[in-house]
């Protein structure tokens, strides 16, 4: 009887020792396994991009070239995307900028929904008026900027050098080019031309 008692005690002691030797995290995982994380959906900041990325739909995309005089570093197209089956339609602008110092680099692209394009056109007028009033004073630098949800950014910078306007496109790795302040009215005309095309369709 005593031998049987010692044998049972030994079995219990070994079980306790085995549990104690297991790492706490491993024991917790065995009791309560954590669910696997689901992959995150890609971030699509504009309605145009969201529709373009919609799977299992027939999409028709119309591009209308905007006449510009900024050379090969920038291109604009008015864009209309139609989901044929659901009759969903979104309008906007596609802006593409090339790196003038690295032609082998892929161009940066930003889409701007038509509502944002209206705000951008108005904002450009305000920015041009404010920049025209700048004077050299004790400020080290001044910057005006407008940034769209899709990563298009227009910035006007004044420092000790001549003021310049900078355009960048792309959310992850923006591509930047610059234009003279005297070209801002031409840029505004390009935006207005895009709006006129989109509103007529």
C-alpha atoms as a PDB file:
ATOM      1  CA  UNK A   1       0.000   0.000   0.000  1.00  0.00           C
ATOM      2  CA  UNK A   2       2.805   2.325   0.892  1.00  0.00           C
ATOM      3  CA  UNK A   3       4.549   1.514  -2.436  1.00  0.00           C
ATOM      4  CA  UNK A   4       1.352   2.330  -4.305  1.00  0.00           C
ATOM      5  CA  UNK A   5       1.119   5.668  -2.489  1.00  0.00           C
ATOM      6  CA  UNK A   6       4.705   6.586  -3.377  1.00  0.00           C
ATOM      7  CA  UNK A   7       4.123   5.576  -7.008  1.00  0.00           C
ATOM      8  CA  UNK A   8       1.065   7.871  -7.234  1.00  0.00           C
ATOM      9  CA  UNK A   9       2.939  10.684  -5.532  1.00  0.00           C
ATOM     10  CA  UNK A  10       5.791  10.311  -8.031  1.00  0.00           C
ATOM     11  CA  UNK A  11       3.393  10.540 -11.002  1.00  0.00           C
ATOM     12  CA  UNK A  12       1.799  13.725  -9.616  1.00  0.00           C
ATOM     13  CA  UNK A  13       5.215  15.268  -8.875  1.00  0.00           C
ATOM     14  CA  UNK A  14       6.435  14.547 -12.399  1.00  0.00           C
ATOM     15  CA  UNK A  15       3.305  16.119 -13.899  1.00  0.00           C
ATOM     16  CA  UNK A  16       3.772  19.260 -11.787  1.00  0.00           C
ATOM     17  CA  UNK A  17       7.451  19.457 -12.770  1.00  0.00           C
ATOM     18  CA  UNK A  18       6.580  19.104 -16.473  1.00  0.00           C
ATOM     19  CA  UNK A  19       4.005  21.917 -16.321  1.00  0.00           C
ATOM     20  CA  UNK A  20       6.407  24.151 -14.416  1.00  0.00           C
ATOM     21  CA  UNK A  21       9.138  23.579 -17.019  1.00  0.00           C
ATOM     22  CA  UNK A  22       6.899  24.729 -19.916  1.00  0.00           C
ATOM     23  CA  UNK A  23       7.350  28.417 -20.901  1.00  0.00           C
ATOM     24  CA  UNK A  24       4.457  30.559 -19.718  1.00  0.00           C
ATOM     25  CA  UNK A  25       3.769  31.917 -23.229  1.00  0.00           C
ATOM     26  CA  UNK A  26       3.674  28.451 -24.765  1.00  0.00           C
ATOM     27  CA  UNK A  27       1.310  27.187 -22.047  1.00  0.00           C
ATOM     28  CA  UNK A  28      -0.952  30.217 -22.544  1.00  0.00           C
ATOM     29  CA  UNK A  29      -0.972  29.675 -26.292  1.00  0.00           C
ATOM     30  CA  UNK A  30      -1.915  26.027 -25.812  1.00  0.00           C
ATOM     31  CA  UNK A  31      -4.867  27.028 -23.639  1.00  0.00           C
ATOM     32  CA  UNK A  32      -5.962  30.130 -25.579  1.00  0.00           C
ATOM     33  CA  UNK A  33      -4.521  30.336 -29.100  1.00  0.00           C
ATOM     34  CA  UNK A  34      -4.546  33.822 -30.601  1.00  0.00           C
ATOM     35  CA  UNK A  35      -6.399  34.249 -33.901  1.00  0.00           C
ATOM     36  CA  UNK A  36      -4.321  35.050 -36.972  1.00  0.00           C
ATOM     37  CA  UNK A  37      -4.398  38.684 -38.050  1.00  0.00           C
ATOM     38  CA  UNK A  38      -6.207  39.353 -41.293  1.00  0.00           C
ATOM     39  CA  UNK A  39      -4.270  41.274 -43.971  1.00  0.00           C
ATOM     40  CA  UNK A  40      -5.046  44.979 -44.064  1.00  0.00           C
ATOM     41  CA  UNK A  41      -6.974  46.408 -46.980  1.00  0.00           C
ATOM     42  CA  UNK A  42      -4.954  48.781 -49.192  1.00  0.00           C
ATOM     43  CA  UNK A  43      -5.550  52.438 -48.372  1.00  0.00           C
ATOM     44  CA  UNK A  44      -7.398  54.106 -51.256  1.00  0.00           C
ATOM     45  CA  UNK A  45      -7.892  57.760 -50.366  1.00  0.00           C
ATOM     46  CA  UNK A  46     -10.035  58.872 -53.341  1.00  0.00           C
ATOM     47  CA  UNK A  47     -13.310  57.593 -54.716  1.00  0.00           C
ATOM     48  CA  UNK A  48     -11.798  57.264 -58.184  1.00  0.00           C
ATOM     49  CA  UNK A  49      -9.019  54.974 -56.907  1.00  0.00           C
ATOM     50  CA  UNK A  50     -11.473  52.937 -54.855  1.00  0.00           C
ATOM     51  CA  UNK A  51     -13.647  52.338 -57.916  1.00  0.00           C
ATOM     52  CA  UNK A  52     -10.647  51.538 -60.132  1.00  0.00           C
ATOM     53  CA  UNK A  53      -9.543  48.915 -57.591  1.00  0.00           C
ATOM     54  CA  UNK A  54     -12.985  47.293 -57.265  1.00  0.00           C
ATOM     55  CA  UNK A  55     -12.780  43.626 -58.335  1.00  0.00           C
ATOM     56  CA  UNK A  56     -15.340  41.677 -60.372  1.00  0.00           C
ATOM     57  CA  UNK A  57     -16.762  44.708 -62.152  1.00  0.00           C
ATOM     58  CA  UNK A  58     -16.654  45.958 -65.711  1.00  0.00           C
ATOM     59  CA  UNK A  59     -15.102  49.430 -65.604  1.00  0.00           C
ATOM     60  CA  UNK A  60     -14.940  51.970 -68.396  1.00  0.00           C
ATOM     61  CA  UNK A  61     -12.363  54.740 -67.938  1.00  0.00           C
ATOM     62  CA  UNK A  62     -12.243  57.829 -70.160  1.00  0.00           C
ATOM     63  CA  UNK A  63      -9.179  60.099 -70.164  1.00  0.00           C
ATOM     64  CA  UNK A  64      -9.193  63.646 -71.555  1.00  0.00           C
ATOM     65  CA  UNK A  65      -5.795  65.277 -72.033  1.00  0.00           C
ATOM     66  CA  UNK A  66      -5.447  68.713 -70.452  1.00  0.00           C
ATOM     67  CA  UNK A  67      -3.397  71.080 -72.603  1.00  0.00           C
ATOM     68  CA  UNK A  68      -0.443  72.227 -70.527  1.00  0.00           C
ATOM     69  CA  UNK A  69       2.714  74.188 -71.152  1.00  0.00           C
ATOM     70  CA  UNK A  70       4.953  72.908 -68.361  1.00  0.00           C
ATOM     71  CA  UNK A  71       7.080  70.570 -70.472  1.00  0.00           C
ATOM     72  CA  UNK A  72       7.545  66.818 -70.024  1.00  0.00           C
ATOM     73  CA  UNK A  73       7.793  66.874 -66.217  1.00  0.00           C
ATOM     74  CA  UNK A  74       4.034  67.073 -65.643  1.00  0.00           C
ATOM     75  CA  UNK A  75       0.906  65.704 -67.279  1.00  0.00           C
ATOM     76  CA  UNK A  76      -2.788  66.095 -66.406  1.00  0.00           C
ATOM     77  CA  UNK A  77      -5.813  64.138 -67.581  1.00  0.00           C
ATOM     78  CA  UNK A  78      -9.469  64.597 -66.703  1.00  0.00           C
ATOM     79  CA  UNK A  79     -10.765  61.143 -65.726  1.00  0.00           C
ATOM     80  CA  UNK A  80     -14.273  59.650 -65.716  1.00  0.00           C
ATOM     81  CA  UNK A  81     -14.725  56.135 -64.329  1.00  0.00           C
ATOM     82  CA  UNK A  82     -17.959  54.216 -64.942  1.00  0.00           C
ATOM     83  CA  UNK A  83     -18.894  50.889 -63.356  1.00  0.00           C
ATOM     84  CA  UNK A  84     -21.019  49.518 -66.194  1.00  0.00           C
ATOM     85  CA  UNK A  85     -23.208  47.104 -64.210  1.00  0.00           C
ATOM     86  CA  UNK A  86     -23.898  49.298 -61.165  1.00  0.00           C
ATOM     87  CA  UNK A  87     -23.995  52.598 -63.061  1.00  0.00           C
ATOM     88  CA  UNK A  88     -21.593  54.134 -60.560  1.00  0.00           C
ATOM     89  CA  UNK A  89     -19.682  57.091 -61.952  1.00  0.00           C
ATOM     90  CA  UNK A  90     -16.858  59.155 -60.461  1.00  0.00           C
ATOM     91  CA  UNK A  91     -15.020  62.089 -62.006  1.00  0.00           C
ATOM     92  CA  UNK A  92     -11.729  63.729 -61.255  1.00  0.00           C
ATOM     93  CA  UNK A  93      -8.194  64.527 -62.335  1.00  0.00           C
ATOM     94  CA  UNK A  94      -5.059  62.434 -62.717  1.00  0.00           C
ATOM     95  CA  UNK A  95      -1.793  64.318 -62.205  1.00  0.00           C
ATOM     96  CA  UNK A  96       1.511  62.677 -63.130  1.00  0.00           C
ATOM     97  CA  UNK A  97       4.905  64.167 -62.291  1.00  0.00           C
ATOM     98  CA  UNK A  98       8.292  62.946 -63.488  1.00  0.00           C
ATOM     99  CA  UNK A  99      11.534  63.467 -61.639  1.00  0.00           C
ATOM    100  CA  UNK A 100      13.412  65.960 -63.842  1.00  0.00           C
ATOM    101  CA  UNK A 101      16.753  64.754 -62.456  1.00  0.00           C
ATOM    102  CA  UNK A 102      16.096  61.005 -62.780  1.00  0.00           C
ATOM    103  CA  UNK A 103      14.306  59.983 -65.969  1.00  0.00           C
ATOM    104  CA  UNK A 104      14.532  56.273 -65.100  1.00  0.00           C
ATOM    105  CA  UNK A 105      12.445  56.764 -61.951  1.00  0.00           C
ATOM    106  CA  UNK A 106       8.771  55.868 -62.229  1.00  0.00           C
ATOM    107  CA  UNK A 107       6.490  58.897 -62.394  1.00  0.00           C
ATOM    108  CA  UNK A 108       4.414  59.797 -59.364  1.00  0.00           C
ATOM    109  CA  UNK A 109       0.642  59.710 -59.837  1.00  0.00           C
ATOM    110  CA  UNK A 110      -2.142  61.280 -57.792  1.00  0.00           C
ATOM    111  CA  UNK A 111      -5.886  61.227 -58.389  1.00  0.00           C
ATOM    112  CA  UNK A 112      -8.065  64.137 -57.310  1.00  0.00           C
ATOM    113  CA  UNK A 113     -11.851  63.751 -56.967  1.00  0.00           C
ATOM    114  CA  UNK A 114     -13.864  66.493 -58.666  1.00  0.00           C
ATOM    115  CA  UNK A 115     -14.951  68.045 -55.343  1.00  0.00           C
ATOM    116  CA  UNK A 116     -11.327  68.366 -54.260  1.00  0.00           C
ATOM    117  CA  UNK A 117     -10.402  69.784 -57.650  1.00  0.00           C
ATOM    118  CA  UNK A 118     -12.910  72.597 -57.119  1.00  0.00           C
ATOM    119  CA  UNK A 119     -11.365  73.368 -53.713  1.00  0.00           C
ATOM    120  CA  UNK A 120      -7.852  73.196 -55.182  1.00  0.00           C
ATOM    121  CA  UNK A 121      -8.729  75.662 -57.959  1.00  0.00           C
ATOM    122  CA  UNK A 122     -10.107  78.146 -55.431  1.00  0.00           C
ATOM    123  CA  UNK A 123      -7.169  77.579 -53.108  1.00  0.00           C
ATOM    124  CA  UNK A 124      -4.682  78.225 -55.895  1.00  0.00           C
ATOM    125  CA  UNK A 125      -6.149  81.701 -56.408  1.00  0.00           C
ATOM    126  CA  UNK A 126      -5.749  82.487 -52.711  1.00  0.00           C
ATOM    127  CA  UNK A 127      -2.207  81.142 -52.660  1.00  0.00           C
ATOM    128  CA  UNK A 128      -1.182  83.220 -55.690  1.00  0.00           C
ATOM    129  CA  UNK A 129      -2.654  86.400 -54.152  1.00  0.00           C
ATOM    130  CA  UNK A 130      -0.883  85.847 -50.830  1.00  0.00           C
ATOM    131  CA  UNK A 131       2.424  85.018 -52.501  1.00  0.00           C
ATOM    132  CA  UNK A 132       2.246  88.237 -54.546  1.00  0.00           C
ATOM    133  CA  UNK A 133       2.142  90.233 -51.285  1.00  0.00           C
ATOM    134  CA  UNK A 134       5.200  88.625 -49.744  1.00  0.00           C
ATOM    135  CA  UNK A 135       8.032  90.944 -48.820  1.00  0.00           C
ATOM    136  CA  UNK A 136      11.479  90.214 -47.457  1.00  0.00           C
ATOM    137  CA  UNK A 137      11.351  90.779 -43.707  1.00  0.00           C
ATOM    138  CA  UNK A 138      12.795  89.075 -40.626  1.00  0.00           C
ATOM    139  CA  UNK A 139      11.088  85.738 -41.366  1.00  0.00           C
ATOM    140  CA  UNK A 140      13.502  83.035 -42.342  1.00  0.00           C
ATOM    141  CA  UNK A 141      10.964  81.362 -44.653  1.00  0.00           C
ATOM    142  CA  UNK A 142       7.250  81.188 -45.449  1.00  0.00           C
ATOM    143  CA  UNK A 143       5.302  78.383 -47.079  1.00  0.00           C
ATOM    144  CA  UNK A 144       1.800  78.088 -48.477  1.00  0.00           C
ATOM    145  CA  UNK A 145       0.504  74.610 -49.282  1.00  0.00           C
ATOM    146  CA  UNK A 146      -2.504  72.592 -50.391  1.00  0.00           C
ATOM    147  CA  UNK A 147      -2.511  68.798 -50.079  1.00  0.00           C
ATOM    148  CA  UNK A 148      -5.182  66.521 -51.518  1.00  0.00           C
ATOM    149  CA  UNK A 149      -6.294  63.196 -50.080  1.00  0.00           C
ATOM    150  CA  UNK A 150      -4.618  61.358 -52.972  1.00  0.00           C
ATOM    151  CA  UNK A 151      -1.180  62.834 -52.285  1.00  0.00           C
ATOM    152  CA  UNK A 152      -1.111  65.759 -54.712  1.00  0.00           C
ATOM    153  CA  UNK A 153       0.647  68.692 -53.057  1.00  0.00           C
ATOM    154  CA  UNK A 154       1.149  72.249 -54.203  1.00  0.00           C
ATOM    155  CA  UNK A 155       3.520  74.325 -52.086  1.00  0.00           C
ATOM    156  CA  UNK A 156       4.826  77.866 -52.568  1.00  0.00           C
ATOM    157  CA  UNK A 157       8.007  78.626 -50.646  1.00  0.00           C
ATOM    158  CA  UNK A 158       9.618  81.974 -49.974  1.00  0.00           C
ATOM    159  CA  UNK A 159      13.068  82.150 -48.461  1.00  0.00           C
ATOM    160  CA  UNK A 160      16.254  84.063 -49.134  1.00  0.00           C
ATOM    161  CA  UNK A 161      16.110  82.739 -52.678  1.00  0.00           C
ATOM    162  CA  UNK A 162      13.536  83.487 -55.367  1.00  0.00           C
ATOM    163  CA  UNK A 163      10.086  82.128 -54.420  1.00  0.00           C
ATOM    164  CA  UNK A 164       9.202  78.858 -56.171  1.00  0.00           C
ATOM    165  CA  UNK A 165       6.137  76.652 -56.460  1.00  0.00           C
ATOM    166  CA  UNK A 166       6.586  72.902 -55.971  1.00  0.00           C
ATOM    167  CA  UNK A 167       4.258  70.171 -57.214  1.00  0.00           C
ATOM    168  CA  UNK A 168       4.459  66.625 -55.877  1.00  0.00           C
ATOM    169  CA  UNK A 169       2.425  63.501 -56.579  1.00  0.00           C
ATOM    170  CA  UNK A 170       2.242  60.106 -54.930  1.00  0.00           C
ATOM    171  CA  UNK A 171       1.555  59.123 -51.326  1.00  0.00           C
ATOM    172  CA  UNK A 172       4.394  56.690 -50.574  1.00  0.00           C
ATOM    173  CA  UNK A 173       7.339  58.050 -52.545  1.00  0.00           C
ATOM    174  CA  UNK A 174       6.394  61.524 -53.805  1.00  0.00           C
ATOM    175  CA  UNK A 175       7.919  62.810 -57.029  1.00  0.00           C
ATOM    176  CA  UNK A 176       8.545  66.567 -56.995  1.00  0.00           C
ATOM    177  CA  UNK A 177       8.964  69.179 -59.695  1.00  0.00           C
ATOM    178  CA  UNK A 178       9.011  72.971 -59.479  1.00  0.00           C
ATOM    179  CA  UNK A 179       7.579  75.856 -61.502  1.00  0.00           C
ATOM    180  CA  UNK A 180       7.946  79.634 -61.414  1.00  0.00           C
ATOM    181  CA  UNK A 181       5.322  81.668 -59.578  1.00  0.00           C
ATOM    182  CA  UNK A 182       4.548  83.343 -62.902  1.00  0.00           C
ATOM    183  CA  UNK A 183       3.223  79.970 -64.103  1.00  0.00           C
ATOM    184  CA  UNK A 184       0.573  79.681 -61.370  1.00  0.00           C
ATOM    185  CA  UNK A 185      -2.119  81.338 -63.539  1.00  0.00           C
ATOM    186  CA  UNK A 186      -1.386  78.772 -66.283  1.00  0.00           C
ATOM    187  CA  UNK A 187      -1.781  75.989 -63.721  1.00  0.00           C
ATOM    188  CA  UNK A 188      -5.104  77.462 -62.618  1.00  0.00           C
ATOM    189  CA  UNK A 189      -6.287  77.563 -66.254  1.00  0.00           C
ATOM    190  CA  UNK A 190      -5.396  73.868 -66.574  1.00  0.00           C
ATOM    191  CA  UNK A 191      -7.485  73.027 -63.480  1.00  0.00           C
ATOM    192  CA  UNK A 192     -10.383  75.104 -64.816  1.00  0.00           C
ATOM    193  CA  UNK A 193     -10.155  73.357 -68.173  1.00  0.00           C
ATOM    194  CA  UNK A 194     -10.367  69.980 -66.415  1.00  0.00           C
ATOM    195  CA  UNK A 195     -13.413  71.120 -64.435  1.00  0.00           C
ATOM    196  CA  UNK A 196     -15.105  72.372 -67.612  1.00  0.00           C
ATOM    197  CA  UNK A 197     -14.563  69.002 -69.306  1.00  0.00           C
ATOM    198  CA  UNK A 198     -15.776  67.015 -66.300  1.00  0.00           C
ATOM    199  CA  UNK A 199     -18.864  69.176 -65.773  1.00  0.00           C
ATOM    200  CA  UNK A 200     -19.841  68.797 -69.435  1.00  0.00           C
ATOM    201  CA  UNK A 201     -19.817  64.976 -69.330  1.00  0.00           C
END
